């Protein structure tokens, strides 16, 4: 199976991060000392070394100067530019409108039989009501300053797409953090309708809905970024700057393992419904 550009990009980013981290350590500098020499906050050094933020050419030159490795600067700059050029930004995905993005995924959804979705931020798209989806997509329009505001149309397309959860030949396993139930992304009526829909959707024969309680006695894994596993073929990971598509079997296996660990902490059935009802009561 081939490596997707965005999955390769993350690996390329991490390779740049390792080179820079190795230079710092070889120079005997701490994260704080390196940051001071470069003239920025130490948190930036940490973000670069953890491949959260891609360094600019200027950042790399300062880093190499601070570690007395100026001769490596240009090579690392080229390596970093190649990594960033592979990275698929969210803005590129939605430049033709949010509705187009929703429609473009329909066939892919139809080719998938087992959906596993973990969300620490939102009600998963396949379980969203139109009012909640419109609120979520409206935030996306404002946050990303998109040229087209078709959030209402996109919300209707998302709900239409979600009818797939009623098809008997498919299975859907949803895991959400309890905090998701309390994030107010629409008005009280929209939130009440959304939470009520979760009660209904959780009872569908094709759906398994697990909720990880905030008061879980002891977590075996911290909350993760939202990710979707499609059969054993693809993992889509949602970040602020991009959606990363993971297609390497070894990487997919890591996400499947993480999903199962998270799943073991969730509650189901009556216990899950009780958490949803508590969130509905908190709206009033």
C-alpha atoms as a PDB file:
ATOM      1  CA  UNK A   1       0.000   0.000   0.000  1.00  0.00           C
ATOM      2  CA  UNK A   2       1.356   3.415  -0.940  1.00  0.00           C
ATOM      3  CA  UNK A   3       2.129   6.159   1.529  1.00  0.00           C
ATOM      4  CA  UNK A   4      -0.210   9.153   1.253  1.00  0.00           C
ATOM      5  CA  UNK A   5       1.416  12.578   0.764  1.00  0.00           C
ATOM      6  CA  UNK A   6       0.136  13.874   4.103  1.00  0.00           C
ATOM      7  CA  UNK A   7       1.316  10.798   5.995  1.00  0.00           C
ATOM      8  CA  UNK A   8       4.720  11.096   4.354  1.00  0.00           C
ATOM      9  CA  UNK A   9       4.795  14.783   5.220  1.00  0.00           C
ATOM     10  CA  UNK A  10       4.407  14.104   8.914  1.00  0.00           C
ATOM     11  CA  UNK A  11       7.280  11.616   8.783  1.00  0.00           C
ATOM     12  CA  UNK A  12       9.355  14.188   6.858  1.00  0.00           C
ATOM     13  CA  UNK A  13       8.559  16.859   9.452  1.00  0.00           C
ATOM     14  CA  UNK A  14       9.651  14.510  12.215  1.00  0.00           C
ATOM     15  CA  UNK A  15      12.938  13.836  10.397  1.00  0.00           C
ATOM     16  CA  UNK A  16      13.664  17.585  10.296  1.00  0.00           C
ATOM     17  CA  UNK A  17      12.726  17.860  13.970  1.00  0.00           C
ATOM     18  CA  UNK A  18      15.135  15.053  14.888  1.00  0.00           C
ATOM     19  CA  UNK A  19      18.011  16.697  13.031  1.00  0.00           C
ATOM     20  CA  UNK A  20      17.451  19.991  14.826  1.00  0.00           C
ATOM     21  CA  UNK A  21      17.067  18.298  18.203  1.00  0.00           C
ATOM     22  CA  UNK A  22      20.294  16.350  17.633  1.00  0.00           C
ATOM     23  CA  UNK A  23      22.150  19.588  16.791  1.00  0.00           C
ATOM     24  CA  UNK A  24      20.946  21.167  20.042  1.00  0.00           C
ATOM     25  CA  UNK A  25      21.974  18.175  22.120  1.00  0.00           C
ATOM     26  CA  UNK A  26      25.362  17.884  20.407  1.00  0.00           C
ATOM     27  CA  UNK A  27      25.956  21.562  21.217  1.00  0.00           C
ATOM     28  CA  UNK A  28      25.148  20.857  24.876  1.00  0.00           C
ATOM     29  CA  UNK A  29      22.270  23.331  24.972  1.00  0.00           C
ATOM     30  CA  UNK A  30      19.019  22.992  26.852  1.00  0.00           C
ATOM     31  CA  UNK A  31      15.713  23.905  25.193  1.00  0.00           C
ATOM     32  CA  UNK A  32      15.671  27.173  27.125  1.00  0.00           C
ATOM     33  CA  UNK A  33      19.273  28.022  26.218  1.00  0.00           C
ATOM     34  CA  UNK A  34      18.673  27.319  22.531  1.00  0.00           C
ATOM     35  CA  UNK A  35      15.549  29.490  22.583  1.00  0.00           C
ATOM     36  CA  UNK A  36      17.451  32.335  24.251  1.00  0.00           C
ATOM     37  CA  UNK A  37      20.203  32.163  21.644  1.00  0.00           C
ATOM     38  CA  UNK A  38      17.615  32.230  18.849  1.00  0.00           C
ATOM     39  CA  UNK A  39      15.598  35.049  20.398  1.00  0.00           C
ATOM     40  CA  UNK A  40      12.267  33.292  20.861  1.00  0.00           C
ATOM     41  CA  UNK A  41      10.229  31.621  23.614  1.00  0.00           C
ATOM     42  CA  UNK A  42      11.314  28.126  24.665  1.00  0.00           C
ATOM     43  CA  UNK A  43       7.848  26.759  23.798  1.00  0.00           C
ATOM     44  CA  UNK A  44       8.639  27.400  20.130  1.00  0.00           C
ATOM     45  CA  UNK A  45      11.742  25.224  20.419  1.00  0.00           C
ATOM     46  CA  UNK A  46       9.616  22.475  21.921  1.00  0.00           C
ATOM     47  CA  UNK A  47       6.994  22.729  19.172  1.00  0.00           C
ATOM     48  CA  UNK A  48       9.658  22.487  16.471  1.00  0.00           C
ATOM     49  CA  UNK A  49      11.415  19.536  18.113  1.00  0.00           C
ATOM     50  CA  UNK A  50       8.100  17.697  18.455  1.00  0.00           C
ATOM     51  CA  UNK A  51       7.183  18.362  14.795  1.00  0.00           C
ATOM     52  CA  UNK A  52       4.115  20.333  15.851  1.00  0.00           C
ATOM     53  CA  UNK A  53       5.368  23.462  14.082  1.00  0.00           C
ATOM     54  CA  UNK A  54       7.404  23.447  10.896  1.00  0.00           C
ATOM     55  CA  UNK A  55      10.419  25.802  11.174  1.00  0.00           C
ATOM     56  CA  UNK A  56      10.933  28.644   8.698  1.00  0.00           C
ATOM     57  CA  UNK A  57      14.197  29.088   6.814  1.00  0.00           C
ATOM     58  CA  UNK A  58      15.089  31.920   9.201  1.00  0.00           C
ATOM     59  CA  UNK A  59      14.352  29.671  12.195  1.00  0.00           C
ATOM     60  CA  UNK A  60      16.687  27.006  10.839  1.00  0.00           C
ATOM     61  CA  UNK A  61      19.481  29.505  10.164  1.00  0.00           C
ATOM     62  CA  UNK A  62      19.223  30.861  13.726  1.00  0.00           C
ATOM     63  CA  UNK A  63      19.166  27.320  15.128  1.00  0.00           C
ATOM     64  CA  UNK A  64      22.259  26.294  13.179  1.00  0.00           C
ATOM     65  CA  UNK A  65      24.070  29.484  14.180  1.00  0.00           C
ATOM     66  CA  UNK A  66      23.261  28.868  17.849  1.00  0.00           C
ATOM     67  CA  UNK A  67      24.583  25.301  17.621  1.00  0.00           C
ATOM     68  CA  UNK A  68      27.623  26.270  15.497  1.00  0.00           C
ATOM     69  CA  UNK A  69      26.347  24.145  12.612  1.00  0.00           C
ATOM     70  CA  UNK A  70      25.914  26.833   9.957  1.00  0.00           C
ATOM     71  CA  UNK A  71      27.219  24.439   7.304  1.00  0.00           C
ATOM     72  CA  UNK A  72      24.104  22.259   7.697  1.00  0.00           C
ATOM     73  CA  UNK A  73      21.577  25.082   7.496  1.00  0.00           C
ATOM     74  CA  UNK A  74      20.888  25.032   3.766  1.00  0.00           C
ATOM     75  CA  UNK A  75      20.493  21.263   3.629  1.00  0.00           C
ATOM     76  CA  UNK A  76      17.998  21.301   6.515  1.00  0.00           C
ATOM     77  CA  UNK A  77      16.113  24.204   4.932  1.00  0.00           C
ATOM     78  CA  UNK A  78      15.658  22.232   1.708  1.00  0.00           C
ATOM     79  CA  UNK A  79      14.577  19.161   3.685  1.00  0.00           C
ATOM     80  CA  UNK A  80      12.045  21.226   5.634  1.00  0.00           C
ATOM     81  CA  UNK A  81      10.656  22.922   2.523  1.00  0.00           C
ATOM     82  CA  UNK A  82      10.111  19.526   0.902  1.00  0.00           C
ATOM     83  CA  UNK A  83       8.231  18.329   3.990  1.00  0.00           C
ATOM     84  CA  UNK A  84       6.010  21.408   4.109  1.00  0.00           C
ATOM     85  CA  UNK A  85       5.233  21.251   0.387  1.00  0.00           C
ATOM     86  CA  UNK A  86       3.830  17.742   0.953  1.00  0.00           C
ATOM     87  CA  UNK A  87       1.609  18.894   3.789  1.00  0.00           C
ATOM     88  CA  UNK A  88      -2.027  19.270   2.728  1.00  0.00           C
ATOM     89  CA  UNK A  89      -3.507  22.317   4.386  1.00  0.00           C
ATOM     90  CA  UNK A  90      -7.138  22.554   5.397  1.00  0.00           C
ATOM     91  CA  UNK A  91      -7.539  25.754   3.417  1.00  0.00           C
ATOM     92  CA  UNK A  92      -6.675  23.886   0.221  1.00  0.00           C
ATOM     93  CA  UNK A  93      -9.351  21.309   0.945  1.00  0.00           C
ATOM     94  CA  UNK A  94     -12.148  23.819   1.493  1.00  0.00           C
ATOM     95  CA  UNK A  95     -11.292  26.512  -1.044  1.00  0.00           C
ATOM     96  CA  UNK A  96     -14.144  25.328  -3.282  1.00  0.00           C
ATOM     97  CA  UNK A  97     -16.628  25.424  -0.413  1.00  0.00           C
ATOM     98  CA  UNK A  98     -17.573  23.245   2.522  1.00  0.00           C
ATOM     99  CA  UNK A  99     -20.466  21.590   0.695  1.00  0.00           C
ATOM    100  CA  UNK A 100     -18.106  20.411  -2.040  1.00  0.00           C
ATOM    101  CA  UNK A 101     -15.905  18.870   0.658  1.00  0.00           C
ATOM    102  CA  UNK A 102     -18.886  17.018   2.151  1.00  0.00           C
ATOM    103  CA  UNK A 103     -20.027  15.756  -1.265  1.00  0.00           C
ATOM    104  CA  UNK A 104     -16.516  14.635  -2.230  1.00  0.00           C
ATOM    105  CA  UNK A 105     -16.454  12.114   0.617  1.00  0.00           C
ATOM    106  CA  UNK A 106     -19.726  10.350  -0.195  1.00  0.00           C
ATOM    107  CA  UNK A 107     -18.254   7.622  -2.428  1.00  0.00           C
ATOM    108  CA  UNK A 108     -15.425   6.957   0.010  1.00  0.00           C
ATOM    109  CA  UNK A 109     -17.972   6.497   2.790  1.00  0.00           C
ATOM    110  CA  UNK A 110     -19.932   4.091   0.626  1.00  0.00           C
ATOM    111  CA  UNK A 111     -16.826   1.958   0.085  1.00  0.00           C
ATOM    112  CA  UNK A 112     -16.248   1.577   3.848  1.00  0.00           C
ATOM    113  CA  UNK A 113     -17.915  -1.149   5.918  1.00  0.00           C
ATOM    114  CA  UNK A 114     -16.414  -0.598   9.393  1.00  0.00           C
ATOM    115  CA  UNK A 115     -16.176   2.972  10.699  1.00  0.00           C
ATOM    116  CA  UNK A 116     -14.313   3.623  13.948  1.00  0.00           C
ATOM    117  CA  UNK A 117     -14.386   7.224  15.111  1.00  0.00           C
ATOM    118  CA  UNK A 118     -12.809   8.766  18.207  1.00  0.00           C
ATOM    119  CA  UNK A 119     -13.566  12.399  18.998  1.00  0.00           C
ATOM    120  CA  UNK A 120     -12.308  14.562  21.832  1.00  0.00           C
ATOM    121  CA  UNK A 121     -13.756  17.776  20.402  1.00  0.00           C
ATOM    122  CA  UNK A 122     -17.061  17.399  18.548  1.00  0.00           C
ATOM    123  CA  UNK A 123     -19.993  15.081  18.064  1.00  0.00           C
ATOM    124  CA  UNK A 124     -18.824  12.949  15.097  1.00  0.00           C
ATOM    125  CA  UNK A 125     -20.104  14.167  11.738  1.00  0.00           C
ATOM    126  CA  UNK A 126     -22.128  11.020  11.078  1.00  0.00           C
ATOM    127  CA  UNK A 127     -24.099  11.655  14.291  1.00  0.00           C
ATOM    128  CA  UNK A 128     -24.624  15.406  13.869  1.00  0.00           C
ATOM    129  CA  UNK A 129     -27.998  17.073  13.492  1.00  0.00           C
ATOM    130  CA  UNK A 130     -28.415  19.813  10.908  1.00  0.00           C
ATOM    131  CA  UNK A 131     -28.502  22.579  13.540  1.00  0.00           C
ATOM    132  CA  UNK A 132     -25.345  21.367  15.275  1.00  0.00           C
ATOM    133  CA  UNK A 133     -23.556  20.798  11.954  1.00  0.00           C
ATOM    134  CA  UNK A 134     -24.463  24.315  10.799  1.00  0.00           C
ATOM    135  CA  UNK A 135     -22.987  25.751  14.008  1.00  0.00           C
ATOM    136  CA  UNK A 136     -19.783  23.708  13.634  1.00  0.00           C
ATOM    137  CA  UNK A 137     -19.321  24.552   9.959  1.00  0.00           C
ATOM    138  CA  UNK A 138     -20.159  28.191  10.610  1.00  0.00           C
ATOM    139  CA  UNK A 139     -17.258  28.323  13.071  1.00  0.00           C
ATOM    140  CA  UNK A 140     -15.012  26.800  10.378  1.00  0.00           C
ATOM    141  CA  UNK A 141     -16.009  29.532   7.932  1.00  0.00           C
ATOM    142  CA  UNK A 142     -15.273  32.316  10.423  1.00  0.00           C
ATOM    143  CA  UNK A 143     -12.085  30.792  11.852  1.00  0.00           C
ATOM    144  CA  UNK A 144     -10.499  30.048   8.488  1.00  0.00           C
ATOM    145  CA  UNK A 145     -11.863  33.212   6.839  1.00  0.00           C
ATOM    146  CA  UNK A 146     -13.201  31.158   3.939  1.00  0.00           C
ATOM    147  CA  UNK A 147     -14.274  33.023   0.794  1.00  0.00           C
ATOM    148  CA  UNK A 148     -17.508  31.022   0.527  1.00  0.00           C
ATOM    149  CA  UNK A 149     -20.018  30.708   3.376  1.00  0.00           C
ATOM    150  CA  UNK A 150     -22.057  27.690   2.386  1.00  0.00           C
ATOM    151  CA  UNK A 151     -22.194  26.259   5.899  1.00  0.00           C
ATOM    152  CA  UNK A 152     -25.983  25.822   5.792  1.00  0.00           C
ATOM    153  CA  UNK A 153     -25.826  23.856   2.534  1.00  0.00           C
ATOM    154  CA  UNK A 154     -22.842  21.882   3.836  1.00  0.00           C
ATOM    155  CA  UNK A 155     -24.762  21.016   7.009  1.00  0.00           C
ATOM    156  CA  UNK A 156     -27.646  19.633   4.952  1.00  0.00           C
ATOM    157  CA  UNK A 157     -25.175  17.622   2.852  1.00  0.00           C
ATOM    158  CA  UNK A 158     -23.543  16.267   6.024  1.00  0.00           C
ATOM    159  CA  UNK A 159     -26.892  15.129   7.425  1.00  0.00           C
ATOM    160  CA  UNK A 160     -27.822  13.550   4.081  1.00  0.00           C
ATOM    161  CA  UNK A 161     -24.516  11.691   4.073  1.00  0.00           C
ATOM    162  CA  UNK A 162     -25.116  10.454   7.604  1.00  0.00           C
ATOM    163  CA  UNK A 163     -28.097   8.387   6.491  1.00  0.00           C
ATOM    164  CA  UNK A 164     -25.500   5.724   5.826  1.00  0.00           C
ATOM    165  CA  UNK A 165     -25.627   4.760   9.522  1.00  0.00           C
ATOM    166  CA  UNK A 166     -28.988   3.108   8.848  1.00  0.00           C
ATOM    167  CA  UNK A 167     -27.577   0.705   6.259  1.00  0.00           C
ATOM    168  CA  UNK A 168     -27.483  -2.776   7.804  1.00  0.00           C
ATOM    169  CA  UNK A 169     -24.316  -4.033   6.090  1.00  0.00           C
ATOM    170  CA  UNK A 170     -22.142  -1.423   7.844  1.00  0.00           C
ATOM    171  CA  UNK A 171     -20.879  -1.101  11.410  1.00  0.00           C
ATOM    172  CA  UNK A 172     -20.142   2.126  13.241  1.00  0.00           C
ATOM    173  CA  UNK A 173     -18.164   2.326  16.468  1.00  0.00           C
ATOM    174  CA  UNK A 174     -18.119   5.829  17.953  1.00  0.00           C
ATOM    175  CA  UNK A 175     -16.069   6.920  20.966  1.00  0.00           C
ATOM    176  CA  UNK A 176     -16.418  10.419  22.367  1.00  0.00           C
ATOM    177  CA  UNK A 177     -15.068  12.129  25.441  1.00  0.00           C
ATOM    178  CA  UNK A 178     -17.819  13.189  27.852  1.00  0.00           C
ATOM    179  CA  UNK A 179     -16.622  16.797  27.578  1.00  0.00           C
ATOM    180  CA  UNK A 180     -17.900  16.818  23.971  1.00  0.00           C
ATOM    181  CA  UNK A 181     -21.445  16.634  25.350  1.00  0.00           C
ATOM    182  CA  UNK A 182     -20.916  19.924  27.197  1.00  0.00           C
ATOM    183  CA  UNK A 183     -19.209  22.051  24.525  1.00  0.00           C
ATOM    184  CA  UNK A 184     -21.865  24.563  23.435  1.00  0.00           C
ATOM    185  CA  UNK A 185     -21.384  24.906  19.711  1.00  0.00           C
ATOM    186  CA  UNK A 186     -24.936  26.035  19.011  1.00  0.00           C
ATOM    187  CA  UNK A 187     -27.747  27.605  21.011  1.00  0.00           C
ATOM    188  CA  UNK A 188     -29.561  25.657  23.717  1.00  0.00           C
ATOM    189  CA  UNK A 189     -32.212  24.351  21.319  1.00  0.00           C
ATOM    190  CA  UNK A 190     -29.612  23.116  18.824  1.00  0.00           C
ATOM    191  CA  UNK A 191     -27.608  21.455  21.595  1.00  0.00           C
ATOM    192  CA  UNK A 192     -30.709  19.821  23.096  1.00  0.00           C
ATOM    193  CA  UNK A 193     -31.691  18.463  19.692  1.00  0.00           C
ATOM    194  CA  UNK A 194     -28.172  17.158  19.115  1.00  0.00           C
ATOM    195  CA  UNK A 195     -27.961  15.434  22.477  1.00  0.00           C
ATOM    196  CA  UNK A 196     -31.422  13.958  21.981  1.00  0.00           C
ATOM    197  CA  UNK A 197     -30.312  12.620  18.607  1.00  0.00           C
ATOM    198  CA  UNK A 198     -27.374  10.873  20.295  1.00  0.00           C
ATOM    199  CA  UNK A 199     -29.850   8.997  22.481  1.00  0.00           C
ATOM    200  CA  UNK A 200     -31.666   7.804  19.360  1.00  0.00           C
ATOM    201  CA  UNK A 201     -28.571   7.050  17.287  1.00  0.00           C
ATOM    202  CA  UNK A 202     -26.958   5.096  20.098  1.00  0.00           C
ATOM    203  CA  UNK A 203     -29.851   2.645  19.977  1.00  0.00           C
ATOM    204  CA  UNK A 204     -29.451   1.856  16.259  1.00  0.00           C
ATOM    205  CA  UNK A 205     -28.458  -1.772  15.571  1.00  0.00           C
ATOM    206  CA  UNK A 206     -25.535  -0.665  13.377  1.00  0.00           C
ATOM    207  CA  UNK A 207     -24.124   1.748  15.981  1.00  0.00           C
ATOM    208  CA  UNK A 208     -21.982   1.288  19.073  1.00  0.00           C
ATOM    209  CA  UNK A 209     -21.711   4.536  21.033  1.00  0.00           C
ATOM    210  CA  UNK A 210     -19.201   4.727  23.859  1.00  0.00           C
ATOM    211  CA  UNK A 211     -18.593   7.752  26.066  1.00  0.00           C
ATOM    212  CA  UNK A 212     -15.407   8.135  28.094  1.00  0.00           C
ATOM    213  CA  UNK A 213     -16.444   9.711  31.427  1.00  0.00           C
ATOM    214  CA  UNK A 214     -14.621  12.777  32.704  1.00  0.00           C
ATOM    215  CA  UNK A 215     -14.676  11.083  36.099  1.00  0.00           C
ATOM    216  CA  UNK A 216     -13.163   7.826  34.869  1.00  0.00           C
ATOM    217  CA  UNK A 217     -11.356   6.305  37.887  1.00  0.00           C
ATOM    218  CA  UNK A 218      -8.017   6.008  36.120  1.00  0.00           C
ATOM    219  CA  UNK A 219      -7.267   6.762  32.503  1.00  0.00           C
ATOM    220  CA  UNK A 220      -4.962   4.363  30.703  1.00  0.00           C
ATOM    221  CA  UNK A 221      -4.584   6.827  27.800  1.00  0.00           C
ATOM    222  CA  UNK A 222      -4.897  10.608  27.660  1.00  0.00           C
ATOM    223  CA  UNK A 223      -7.367  12.302  25.284  1.00  0.00           C
ATOM    224  CA  UNK A 224      -6.054  12.232  21.732  1.00  0.00           C
ATOM    225  CA  UNK A 225      -6.647  14.283  18.605  1.00  0.00           C
ATOM    226  CA  UNK A 226      -9.815  13.306  16.758  1.00  0.00           C
ATOM    227  CA  UNK A 227      -9.287  10.448  14.302  1.00  0.00           C
ATOM    228  CA  UNK A 228     -11.335   8.228  11.994  1.00  0.00           C
ATOM    229  CA  UNK A 229     -10.427   4.663  11.010  1.00  0.00           C
ATOM    230  CA  UNK A 230     -11.958   3.434   7.747  1.00  0.00           C
ATOM    231  CA  UNK A 231     -11.857  -0.369   7.629  1.00  0.00           C
ATOM    232  CA  UNK A 232      -8.118  -1.168   7.848  1.00  0.00           C
ATOM    233  CA  UNK A 233      -7.312   1.051   4.858  1.00  0.00           C
ATOM    234  CA  UNK A 234      -7.053   4.621   6.101  1.00  0.00           C
ATOM    235  CA  UNK A 235      -6.841   6.733   9.240  1.00  0.00           C
ATOM    236  CA  UNK A 236      -7.779  10.418   8.964  1.00  0.00           C
ATOM    237  CA  UNK A 237      -6.370  12.592  11.763  1.00  0.00           C
ATOM    238  CA  UNK A 238      -7.707  16.111  12.295  1.00  0.00           C
ATOM    239  CA  UNK A 239      -5.188  18.816  13.225  1.00  0.00           C
ATOM    240  CA  UNK A 240      -5.507  22.602  13.309  1.00  0.00           C
ATOM    241  CA  UNK A 241      -3.498  23.076  10.119  1.00  0.00           C
ATOM    242  CA  UNK A 242      -4.347  19.969   8.160  1.00  0.00           C
ATOM    243  CA  UNK A 243      -6.013  16.608   7.918  1.00  0.00           C
ATOM    244  CA  UNK A 244      -3.378  13.900   7.856  1.00  0.00           C
ATOM    245  CA  UNK A 245      -4.254  10.713   5.972  1.00  0.00           C
ATOM    246  CA  UNK A 246      -2.366   7.676   7.267  1.00  0.00           C
ATOM    247  CA  UNK A 247      -2.175   4.684   4.929  1.00  0.00           C
ATOM    248  CA  UNK A 248       0.919   2.844   6.176  1.00  0.00           C
ATOM    249  CA  UNK A 249      -0.293  -0.485   7.672  1.00  0.00           C
ATOM    250  CA  UNK A 250       2.105  -0.190  10.616  1.00  0.00           C
ATOM    251  CA  UNK A 251       0.788   3.307  11.427  1.00  0.00           C
ATOM    252  CA  UNK A 252      -2.841   2.230  11.039  1.00  0.00           C
ATOM    253  CA  UNK A 253      -2.144  -0.568  13.527  1.00  0.00           C
ATOM    254  CA  UNK A 254      -1.014   2.017  16.088  1.00  0.00           C
ATOM    255  CA  UNK A 255      -4.281   3.908  15.739  1.00  0.00           C
ATOM    256  CA  UNK A 256      -6.309   0.709  16.004  1.00  0.00           C
ATOM    257  CA  UNK A 257      -4.432  -0.109  19.217  1.00  0.00           C
ATOM    258  CA  UNK A 258      -5.057   3.400  20.573  1.00  0.00           C
ATOM    259  CA  UNK A 259      -8.744   3.113  19.673  1.00  0.00           C
ATOM    260  CA  UNK A 260      -9.092  -0.143  21.580  1.00  0.00           C
ATOM    261  CA  UNK A 261      -7.336   1.343  24.618  1.00  0.00           C
ATOM    262  CA  UNK A 262      -9.684   4.325  24.563  1.00  0.00           C
ATOM    263  CA  UNK A 263     -12.646   2.044  23.994  1.00  0.00           C
ATOM    264  CA  UNK A 264     -11.841   0.083  27.144  1.00  0.00           C
ATOM    265  CA  UNK A 265     -12.370   3.246  29.227  1.00  0.00           C
ATOM    266  CA  UNK A 266     -15.796   4.058  27.763  1.00  0.00           C
ATOM    267  CA  UNK A 267     -19.246   3.325  29.134  1.00  0.00           C
ATOM    268  CA  UNK A 268     -22.109   2.068  26.989  1.00  0.00           C
ATOM    269  CA  UNK A 269     -25.837   1.494  27.041  1.00  0.00           C
ATOM    270  CA  UNK A 270     -27.648   2.805  30.107  1.00  0.00           C
ATOM    271  CA  UNK A 271     -24.472   4.363  31.552  1.00  0.00           C
ATOM    272  CA  UNK A 272     -23.799   6.273  28.339  1.00  0.00           C
ATOM    273  CA  UNK A 273     -27.425   7.438  28.165  1.00  0.00           C
ATOM    274  CA  UNK A 274     -27.172   8.699  31.726  1.00  0.00           C
ATOM    275  CA  UNK A 275     -24.217  10.935  30.773  1.00  0.00           C
ATOM    276  CA  UNK A 276     -26.143  12.305  27.789  1.00  0.00           C
ATOM    277  CA  UNK A 277     -29.215  13.001  29.933  1.00  0.00           C
ATOM    278  CA  UNK A 278     -27.019  14.789  32.472  1.00  0.00           C
ATOM    279  CA  UNK A 279     -25.672  17.013  29.692  1.00  0.00           C
ATOM    280  CA  UNK A 280     -29.233  17.787  28.529  1.00  0.00           C
ATOM    281  CA  UNK A 281     -30.213  18.758  32.081  1.00  0.00           C
ATOM    282  CA  UNK A 282     -27.182  21.066  32.289  1.00  0.00           C
ATOM    283  CA  UNK A 283     -28.557  23.113  29.357  1.00  0.00           C
ATOM    284  CA  UNK A 284     -31.350  24.474  31.538  1.00  0.00           C
END
